[in-house]
Amino acid sequence: MFFSLILDVSMAVMGAGIGAGLVAIGAGIGVGRIGGSAMDAIARQPEASGKIQGAMLVIAALVEVAALFGLVICLLIANKLA
């Protein structure tokens, strides 16, 4: 009984760690693609660079907020069961 409980907790903590890693990788890929696409757009249309940069910053902030939310959920899972 006790061993089963330890195994369940350890699997939940491991899953939370894997989830946190995936969230960080996803956020990095998302921000990288946003930045690359913005640089392409600015290269094609330099006169609109102000609008493009503003939109890029807003979208990058939304990606980071989603990543932070995912990390908080993973930490809550890890701390709740540990």
PDB file of N, CA and C in Angstrom:
ATOM      1  N   MET A   1       0.821  -1.194   0.000  1.00  0.00           N
ATOM      2  CA  MET A   1       0.000   0.000   0.000  1.00  0.00           C
ATOM      3  C   MET A   1       0.865   1.258   0.000  1.00  0.00           C
ATOM      4  N   PHE A   2       1.843   1.311   0.909  1.00  0.00           N
ATOM      5  CA  PHE A   2       2.717   2.471   1.015  1.00  0.00           C
ATOM      6  C   PHE A   2       3.573   2.632  -0.237  1.00  0.00           C
ATOM      7  N   PHE A   3       4.081   1.506  -0.750  1.00  0.00           N
ATOM      8  CA  PHE A   3       4.907   1.546  -1.959  1.00  0.00           C
ATOM      9  C   PHE A   3       4.104   2.064  -3.144  1.00  0.00           C
ATOM     10  N   SER A   4       2.858   1.684  -3.226  1.00  0.00           N
ATOM     11  CA  SER A   4       1.998   2.156  -4.304  1.00  0.00           C
ATOM     12  C   SER A   4       1.788   3.662  -4.225  1.00  0.00           C
ATOM     13  N   LEU A   5       1.647   4.193  -3.013  1.00  0.00           N
ATOM     14  CA  LEU A   5       1.476   5.631  -2.828  1.00  0.00           C
ATOM     15  C   LEU A   5       2.736   6.386  -3.234  1.00  0.00           C
ATOM     16  N   ILE A   6       3.898   5.879  -2.847  1.00  0.00           N
ATOM     17  CA  ILE A   6       5.165   6.509  -3.225  1.00  0.00           C
ATOM     18  C   ILE A   6       5.331   6.487  -4.732  1.00  0.00           C
ATOM     19  N   LEU A   7       4.966   5.373  -5.364  1.00  0.00           N
ATOM     20  CA  LEU A   7       5.084   5.262  -6.811  1.00  0.00           C
ATOM     21  C   LEU A   7       4.153   6.245  -7.506  1.00  0.00           C
ATOM     22  N   ASP A   8       2.938   6.394  -7.008  1.00  0.00           N
ATOM     23  CA  ASP A   8       2.001   7.364  -7.596  1.00  0.00           C
ATOM     24  C   ASP A   8       2.515   8.794  -7.470  1.00  0.00           C
ATOM     25  N   VAL A   9       3.051   9.139  -6.308  1.00  0.00           N
ATOM     26  CA  VAL A   9       3.568  10.488  -6.094  1.00  0.00           C
ATOM     27  C   VAL A   9       4.772  10.735  -6.988  1.00  0.00           C
ATOM     28  N   SER A  10       5.659   9.757  -7.078  1.00  0.00           N
ATOM     29  CA  SER A  10       6.862   9.953  -7.890  1.00  0.00           C
ATOM     30  C   SER A  10       6.509  10.081  -9.367  1.00  0.00           C
ATOM     31  N   MET A  11       5.526   9.334  -9.825  1.00  0.00           N
ATOM     32  CA  MET A  11       5.105   9.456 -11.226  1.00  0.00           C
ATOM     33  C   MET A  11       4.463  10.819 -11.484  1.00  0.00           C
ATOM     34  N   ALA A  12       3.715  11.333 -10.522  1.00  0.00           N
ATOM     35  CA  ALA A  12       3.096  12.654 -10.687  1.00  0.00           C
ATOM     36  C   ALA A  12       4.154  13.740 -10.721  1.00  0.00           C
ATOM     37  N   VAL A  13       5.162  13.639  -9.857  1.00  0.00           N
ATOM     38  CA  VAL A  13       6.230  14.629  -9.846  1.00  0.00           C
ATOM     39  C   VAL A  13       7.036  14.552 -11.143  1.00  0.00           C
ATOM     40  N   MET A  14       7.291  13.341 -11.618  1.00  0.00           N
ATOM     41  CA  MET A  14       8.016  13.185 -12.876  1.00  0.00           C
ATOM     42  C   MET A  14       7.195  13.761 -14.035  1.00  0.00           C
ATOM     43  N   GLY A  15       5.911  13.530 -14.032  1.00  0.00           N
ATOM     44  CA  GLY A  15       5.045  14.087 -15.066  1.00  0.00           C
ATOM     45  C   GLY A  15       5.009  15.603 -15.021  1.00  0.00           C
ATOM     46  N   ALA A  16       5.014  16.171 -13.816  1.00  0.00           N
ATOM     47  CA  ALA A  16       5.045  17.628 -13.683  1.00  0.00           C
ATOM     48  C   ALA A  16       6.356  18.189 -14.215  1.00  0.00           C
ATOM     49  N   GLY A  17       7.454  17.494 -13.968  1.00  0.00           N
ATOM     50  CA  GLY A  17       8.742  17.940 -14.490  1.00  0.00           C
ATOM     51  C   GLY A  17       8.810  17.873 -15.996  1.00  0.00           C
ATOM     52  N   ILE A  18       8.297  16.796 -16.558  1.00  0.00           N
ATOM     53  CA  ILE A  18       8.268  16.667 -18.018  1.00  0.00           C
ATOM     54  C   ILE A  18       7.351  17.737 -18.615  1.00  0.00           C
ATOM     55  N   GLY A  19       6.225  17.974 -17.978  1.00  0.00           N
ATOM     56  CA  GLY A  19       5.307  19.013 -18.449  1.00  0.00           C
ATOM     57  C   GLY A  19       5.939  20.389 -18.414  1.00  0.00           C
ATOM     58  N   ALA A  20       6.693  20.690 -17.359  1.00  0.00           N
ATOM     59  CA  ALA A  20       7.362  21.987 -17.267  1.00  0.00           C
ATOM     60  C   ALA A  20       8.409  22.136 -18.369  1.00  0.00           C
ATOM     61  N   GLY A  21       9.112  21.062 -18.655  1.00  0.00           N
ATOM     62  CA  GLY A  21      10.087  21.108 -19.740  1.00  0.00           C
ATOM     63  C   GLY A  21       9.433  21.336 -21.092  1.00  0.00           C
ATOM     64  N   LEU A  22       8.331  20.661 -21.328  1.00  0.00           N
ATOM     65  CA  LEU A  22       7.622  20.842 -22.594  1.00  0.00           C
ATOM     66  C   LEU A  22       7.053  22.251 -22.733  1.00  0.00           C
ATOM     67  N   VAL A  23       6.582  22.809 -21.629  1.00  0.00           N
ATOM     68  CA  VAL A  23       6.075  24.182 -21.662  1.00  0.00           C
ATOM     69  C   VAL A  23       7.201  25.148 -22.014  1.00  0.00           C
ATOM     70  N   ALA A  24       8.372  24.954 -21.421  1.00  0.00           N
ATOM     71  CA  ALA A  24       9.501  25.844 -21.708  1.00  0.00           C
ATOM     72  C   ALA A  24       9.952  25.720 -23.157  1.00  0.00           C
ATOM     73  N   ILE A  25       9.997  24.501 -23.669  1.00  0.00           N
ATOM     74  CA  ILE A  25      10.375  24.298 -25.072  1.00  0.00           C
ATOM     75  C   ILE A  25       9.349  24.938 -25.998  1.00  0.00           C
ATOM     76  N   GLY A  26       8.077  24.747 -25.701  1.00  0.00           N
ATOM     77  CA  GLY A  26       7.025  25.339 -26.522  1.00  0.00           C
ATOM     78  C   GLY A  26       7.070  26.850 -26.531  1.00  0.00           C
ATOM     79  N   ALA A  27       7.332  27.451 -25.379  1.00  0.00           N
ATOM     80  CA  ALA A  27       7.430  28.915 -25.318  1.00  0.00           C
ATOM     81  C   ALA A  27       8.631  29.412 -26.116  1.00  0.00           C
ATOM     82  N   GLY A  28       9.743  28.713 -26.023  1.00  0.00           N
ATOM     83  CA  GLY A  28      10.921  29.108 -26.787  1.00  0.00           C
ATOM     84  C   GLY A  28      10.693  29.029 -28.282  1.00  0.00           C
ATOM     85  N   ILE A  29      10.054  27.960 -28.718  1.00  0.00           N
ATOM     86  CA  ILE A  29       9.741  27.816 -30.144  1.00  0.00           C
ATOM     87  C   ILE A  29       8.760  28.903 -30.582  1.00  0.00           C
ATOM     88  N   GLY A  30       7.756  29.166 -29.762  1.00  0.00           N
ATOM     89  CA  GLY A  30       6.758  30.174 -30.113  1.00  0.00           C
ATOM     90  C   GLY A  30       7.347  31.566 -30.236  1.00  0.00           C
ATOM     91  N   VAL A  31       8.150  31.963 -29.277  1.00  0.00           N
ATOM     92  CA  VAL A  31       8.745  33.298 -29.323  1.00  0.00           C
ATOM     93  C   VAL A  31       9.744  33.393 -30.477  1.00  0.00           C
ATOM     94  N   GLY A  32      10.468  32.323 -30.732  1.00  0.00           N
ATOM     95  CA  GLY A  32      11.400  32.323 -31.854  1.00  0.00           C
ATOM     96  C   GLY A  32      10.705  32.476 -33.194  1.00  0.00           C
ATOM     97  N   ARG A  33       9.602  31.780 -33.356  1.00  0.00           N
ATOM     98  CA  ARG A  33       8.856  31.912 -34.612  1.00  0.00           C
ATOM     99  C   ARG A  33       8.233  33.291 -34.751  1.00  0.00           C
ATOM    100  N   ILE A  34       7.752  33.847 -33.654  1.00  0.00           N
ATOM    101  CA  ILE A  34       7.182  35.198 -33.704  1.00  0.00           C
ATOM    102  C   ILE A  34       8.254  36.198 -34.119  1.00  0.00           C
ATOM    103  N   GLY A  35       9.428  36.106 -33.502  1.00  0.00           N
ATOM    104  CA  GLY A  35      10.510  37.029 -33.839  1.00  0.00           C
ATOM    105  C   GLY A  35      10.973  36.874 -35.281  1.00  0.00           C
ATOM    106  N   GLY A  36      11.109  35.641 -35.735  1.00  0.00           N
ATOM    107  CA  GLY A  36      11.526  35.412 -37.113  1.00  0.00           C
ATOM    108  C   GLY A  36      10.517  35.922 -38.121  1.00  0.00           C
ATOM    109  N   SER A  37       9.257  35.667 -37.852  1.00  0.00           N
ATOM    110  CA  SER A  37       8.209  36.150 -38.757  1.00  0.00           C
ATOM    111  C   SER A  37       8.139  37.676 -38.766  1.00  0.00           C
ATOM    112  N   ALA A  38       8.351  38.286 -37.613  1.00  0.00           N
ATOM    113  CA  ALA A  38       8.344  39.750 -37.553  1.00  0.00           C
ATOM    114  C   ALA A  38       9.518  40.326 -38.335  1.00  0.00           C
ATOM    115  N   MET A  39      10.675  39.707 -38.238  1.00  0.00           N
ATOM    116  CA  MET A  39      11.830  40.200 -38.999  1.00  0.00           C
ATOM    117  C   MET A  39      11.608  40.041 -40.502  1.00  0.00           C
ATOM    118  N   ASP A  40      10.981  38.942 -40.914  1.00  0.00           N
ATOM    119  CA  ASP A  40      10.628  38.773 -42.329  1.00  0.00           C
ATOM    120  C   ASP A  40       9.668  39.875 -42.783  1.00  0.00           C
ATOM    121  N   ALA A  41       8.671  40.145 -41.957  1.00  0.00           N
ATOM    122  CA  ALA A  41       7.681  41.158 -42.319  1.00  0.00           C
ATOM    123  C   ALA A  41       8.308  42.543 -42.390  1.00  0.00           C
ATOM    124  N   ILE A  42       9.215  42.841 -41.459  1.00  0.00           N
ATOM    125  CA  ILE A  42       9.878  44.142 -41.487  1.00  0.00           C
ATOM    126  C   ILE A  42      10.791  44.253 -42.707  1.00  0.00           C
ATOM    127  N   ALA A  43      11.442  43.155 -43.080  1.00  0.00           N
ATOM    128  CA  ALA A  43      12.304  43.185 -44.263  1.00  0.00           C
ATOM    129  C   ALA A  43      11.488  43.413 -45.531  1.00  0.00           C
ATOM    130  N   ARG A  44      10.277  42.876 -45.563  1.00  0.00           N
ATOM    131  CA  ARG A  44       9.430  43.055 -46.746  1.00  0.00           C
ATOM    132  C   ARG A  44       8.771  44.437 -46.782  1.00  0.00           C
ATOM    133  N   GLN A  45       8.462  44.978 -45.616  1.00  0.00           N
ATOM    134  CA  GLN A  45       7.730  46.241 -45.558  1.00  0.00           C
ATOM    135  C   GLN A  45       8.296  47.113 -44.426  1.00  0.00           C
ATOM    136  N   PRO A  46       9.437  47.748 -44.663  1.00  0.00           N
ATOM    137  CA  PRO A  46      10.107  48.499 -43.587  1.00  0.00           C
ATOM    138  C   PRO A  46       9.289  49.668 -43.039  1.00  0.00           C
ATOM    139  N   GLU A  47       8.410  50.227 -43.835  1.00  0.00           N
ATOM    140  CA  GLU A  47       7.636  51.384 -43.354  1.00  0.00           C
ATOM    141  C   GLU A  47       6.615  50.994 -42.291  1.00  0.00           C
ATOM    142  N   ALA A  48       6.298  49.727 -42.174  1.00  0.00           N
ATOM    143  CA  ALA A  48       5.327  49.272 -41.176  1.00  0.00           C
ATOM    144  C   ALA A  48       6.011  48.649 -39.963  1.00  0.00           C
ATOM    145  N   SER A  49       7.290  48.966 -39.751  1.00  0.00           N
ATOM    146  CA  SER A  49       8.032  48.290 -38.677  1.00  0.00           C
ATOM    147  C   SER A  49       7.469  48.598 -37.290  1.00  0.00           C
ATOM    148  N   GLY A  50       6.967  49.795 -37.091  1.00  0.00           N
ATOM    149  CA  GLY A  50       6.409  50.142 -35.777  1.00  0.00           C
ATOM    150  C   GLY A  50       5.196  49.297 -35.420  1.00  0.00           C
ATOM    151  N   LYS A  51       4.295  49.150 -36.368  1.00  0.00           N
ATOM    152  CA  LYS A  51       3.099  48.334 -36.125  1.00  0.00           C
ATOM    153  C   LYS A  51       3.465  46.862 -35.945  1.00  0.00           C
ATOM    154  N   ILE A  52       4.413  46.388 -36.739  1.00  0.00           N
ATOM    155  CA  ILE A  52       4.816  44.981 -36.659  1.00  0.00           C
ATOM    156  C   ILE A  52       5.475  44.694 -35.314  1.00  0.00           C
ATOM    157  N   GLN A  53       6.344  45.588 -34.872  1.00  0.00           N
ATOM    158  CA  GLN A  53       7.013  45.385 -33.587  1.00  0.00           C
ATOM    159  C   GLN A  53       6.016  45.421 -32.429  1.00  0.00           C
ATOM    160  N   GLY A  54       5.043  46.313 -32.507  1.00  0.00           N
ATOM    161  CA  GLY A  54       4.029  46.370 -31.452  1.00  0.00           C
ATOM    162  C   GLY A  54       3.221  45.089 -31.370  1.00  0.00           C
ATOM    163  N   ALA A  55       2.798  44.596 -32.532  1.00  0.00           N
ATOM    164  CA  ALA A  55       2.038  43.341 -32.554  1.00  0.00           C
ATOM    165  C   ALA A  55       2.898  42.178 -32.090  1.00  0.00           C
ATOM    166  N   MET A  56       4.177  42.190 -32.483  1.00  0.00           N
ATOM    167  CA  MET A  56       5.080  41.121 -32.073  1.00  0.00           C
ATOM    168  C   MET A  56       5.235  41.085 -30.556  1.00  0.00           C
ATOM    169  N   LEU A  57       5.389  42.243 -29.943  1.00  0.00           N
ATOM    170  CA  LEU A  57       5.551  42.281 -28.489  1.00  0.00           C
ATOM    171  C   LEU A  57       4.299  41.813 -27.757  1.00  0.00           C
ATOM    172  N   VAL A  58       3.136  42.193 -28.255  1.00  0.00           N
ATOM    173  CA  VAL A  58       1.890  41.762 -27.619  1.00  0.00           C
ATOM    174  C   VAL A  58       1.735  40.242 -27.720  1.00  0.00           C
ATOM    175  N   ILE A  59       1.989  39.696 -28.884  1.00  0.00           N
ATOM    176  CA  ILE A  59       1.836  38.255 -29.073  1.00  0.00           C
ATOM    177  C   ILE A  59       2.888  37.491 -28.273  1.00  0.00           C
ATOM    178  N   ALA A  60       4.121  37.998 -28.228  1.00  0.00           N
ATOM    179  CA  ALA A  60       5.166  37.343 -27.437  1.00  0.00           C
ATOM    180  C   ALA A  60       4.803  37.358 -25.950  1.00  0.00           C
ATOM    181  N   ALA A  61       4.212  38.454 -25.493  1.00  0.00           N
ATOM    182  CA  ALA A  61       3.787  38.512 -24.092  1.00  0.00           C
ATOM    183  C   ALA A  61       2.689  37.488 -23.813  1.00  0.00           C
ATOM    184  N   LEU A  62       1.766  37.325 -24.749  1.00  0.00           N
ATOM    185  CA  LEU A  62       0.711  36.319 -24.558  1.00  0.00           C
ATOM    186  C   LEU A  62       1.282  34.906 -24.522  1.00  0.00           C
ATOM    187  N   VAL A  63       2.271  34.630 -25.352  1.00  0.00           N
ATOM    188  CA  VAL A  63       2.919  33.308 -25.335  1.00  0.00           C
ATOM    189  C   VAL A  63       3.618  33.094 -23.996  1.00  0.00           C
ATOM    190  N   GLU A  64       4.301  34.103 -23.506  1.00  0.00           N
ATOM    191  CA  GLU A  64       4.997  33.973 -22.231  1.00  0.00           C
ATOM    192  C   GLU A  64       4.014  33.797 -21.071  1.00  0.00           C
ATOM    193  N   VAL A  65       2.876  34.479 -21.123  1.00  0.00           N
ATOM    194  CA  VAL A  65       1.868  34.306 -20.063  1.00  0.00           C
ATOM    195  C   VAL A  65       1.317  32.885 -20.076  1.00  0.00           C
ATOM    196  N   ALA A  66       1.069  32.354 -21.262  1.00  0.00           N
ATOM    197  CA  ALA A  66       0.589  30.973 -21.353  1.00  0.00           C
ATOM    198  C   ALA A  66       1.635  30.006 -20.822  1.00  0.00           C
ATOM    199  N   ALA A  67       2.906  30.261 -21.119  1.00  0.00           N
ATOM    200  CA  ALA A  67       3.982  29.405 -20.618  1.00  0.00           C
ATOM    201  C   ALA A  67       4.088  29.499 -19.097  1.00  0.00           C
ATOM    202  N   LEU A  68       3.969  30.700 -18.571  1.00  0.00           N
ATOM    203  CA  LEU A  68       4.025  30.875 -17.124  1.00  0.00           C
ATOM    204  C   LEU A  68       2.861  30.161 -16.443  1.00  0.00           C
ATOM    205  N   PHE A  69       1.687  30.237 -17.044  1.00  0.00           N
ATOM    206  CA  PHE A  69       0.525  29.525 -16.504  1.00  0.00           C
ATOM    207  C   PHE A  69       0.786  28.017 -16.480  1.00  0.00           C
ATOM    208  N   GLY A  70       1.346  27.482 -17.563  1.00  0.00           N
ATOM    209  CA  GLY A  70       1.667  26.056 -17.603  1.00  0.00           C
ATOM    210  C   GLY A  70       2.688  25.664 -16.555  1.00  0.00           C
ATOM    211  N   LEU A  71       3.703  26.495 -16.363  1.00  0.00           N
ATOM    212  CA  LEU A  71       4.714  26.198 -15.345  1.00  0.00           C
ATOM    213  C   LEU A  71       4.127  26.244 -13.938  1.00  0.00           C
ATOM    214  N   VAL A  72       3.248  27.195 -13.684  1.00  0.00           N
ATOM    215  CA  VAL A  72       2.612  27.273 -12.366  1.00  0.00           C
ATOM    216  C   VAL A  72       1.765  26.036 -12.095  1.00  0.00           C
ATOM    217  N   ILE A  73       1.049  25.579 -13.106  1.00  0.00           N
ATOM    218  CA  ILE A  73       0.237  24.367 -12.945  1.00  0.00           C
ATOM    219  C   ILE A  73       1.132  23.168 -12.648  1.00  0.00           C
ATOM    220  N   CYS A  74       2.256  23.052 -13.371  1.00  0.00           N
ATOM    221  CA  CYS A  74       3.180  21.947 -13.116  1.00  0.00           C
ATOM    222  C   CYS A  74       3.768  22.020 -11.703  1.00  0.00           C
ATOM    223  N   LEU A  75       4.111  23.215 -11.256  1.00  0.00           N
ATOM    224  CA  LEU A  75       4.628  23.352  -9.897  1.00  0.00           C
ATOM    225  C   LEU A  75       3.567  23.038  -8.851  1.00  0.00           C
ATOM    226  N   LEU A  76       2.337  23.415  -9.107  1.00  0.00           N
ATOM    227  CA  LEU A  76       1.255  23.071  -8.174  1.00  0.00           C
ATOM    228  C   LEU A  76       1.059  21.566  -8.084  1.00  0.00           C
ATOM    229  N   ILE A  77       1.147  20.885  -9.214  1.00  0.00           N
ATOM    230  CA  ILE A  77       1.015  19.426  -9.211  1.00  0.00           C
ATOM    231  C   ILE A  77       2.157  18.800  -8.431  1.00  0.00           C
ATOM    232  N   ALA A  78       3.378  19.277  -8.676  1.00  0.00           N
ATOM    233  CA  ALA A  78       4.541  18.709  -8.003  1.00  0.00           C
ATOM    234  C   ALA A  78       4.503  18.957  -6.494  1.00  0.00           C
ATOM    235  N   ASN A  79       4.084  20.147  -6.071  1.00  0.00           N
ATOM    236  CA  ASN A  79       4.072  20.468  -4.645  1.00  0.00           C
ATOM    237  C   ASN A  79       2.866  19.902  -3.915  1.00  0.00           C
ATOM    238  N   LYS A  80       1.775  19.709  -4.609  1.00  0.00           N
ATOM    239  CA  LYS A  80       0.562  19.169  -3.979  1.00  0.00           C
ATOM    240  C   LYS A  80       0.775  17.708  -3.569  1.00  0.00           C
ATOM    241  N   LEU A  81       1.482  16.976  -4.397  1.00  0.00           N
ATOM    242  CA  LEU A  81       1.623  15.540  -4.165  1.00  0.00           C
ATOM    243  C   LEU A  81       2.887  15.182  -3.428  1.00  0.00           C
ATOM    244  N   ALA A  82       3.853  16.074  -3.370  1.00  0.00           N
ATOM    245  CA  ALA A  82       5.129  15.738  -2.743  1.00  0.00           C
ATOM    246  C   ALA A  82       5.053  15.835  -1.225  1.00  0.00           C
TER     247      ALA A  82
END
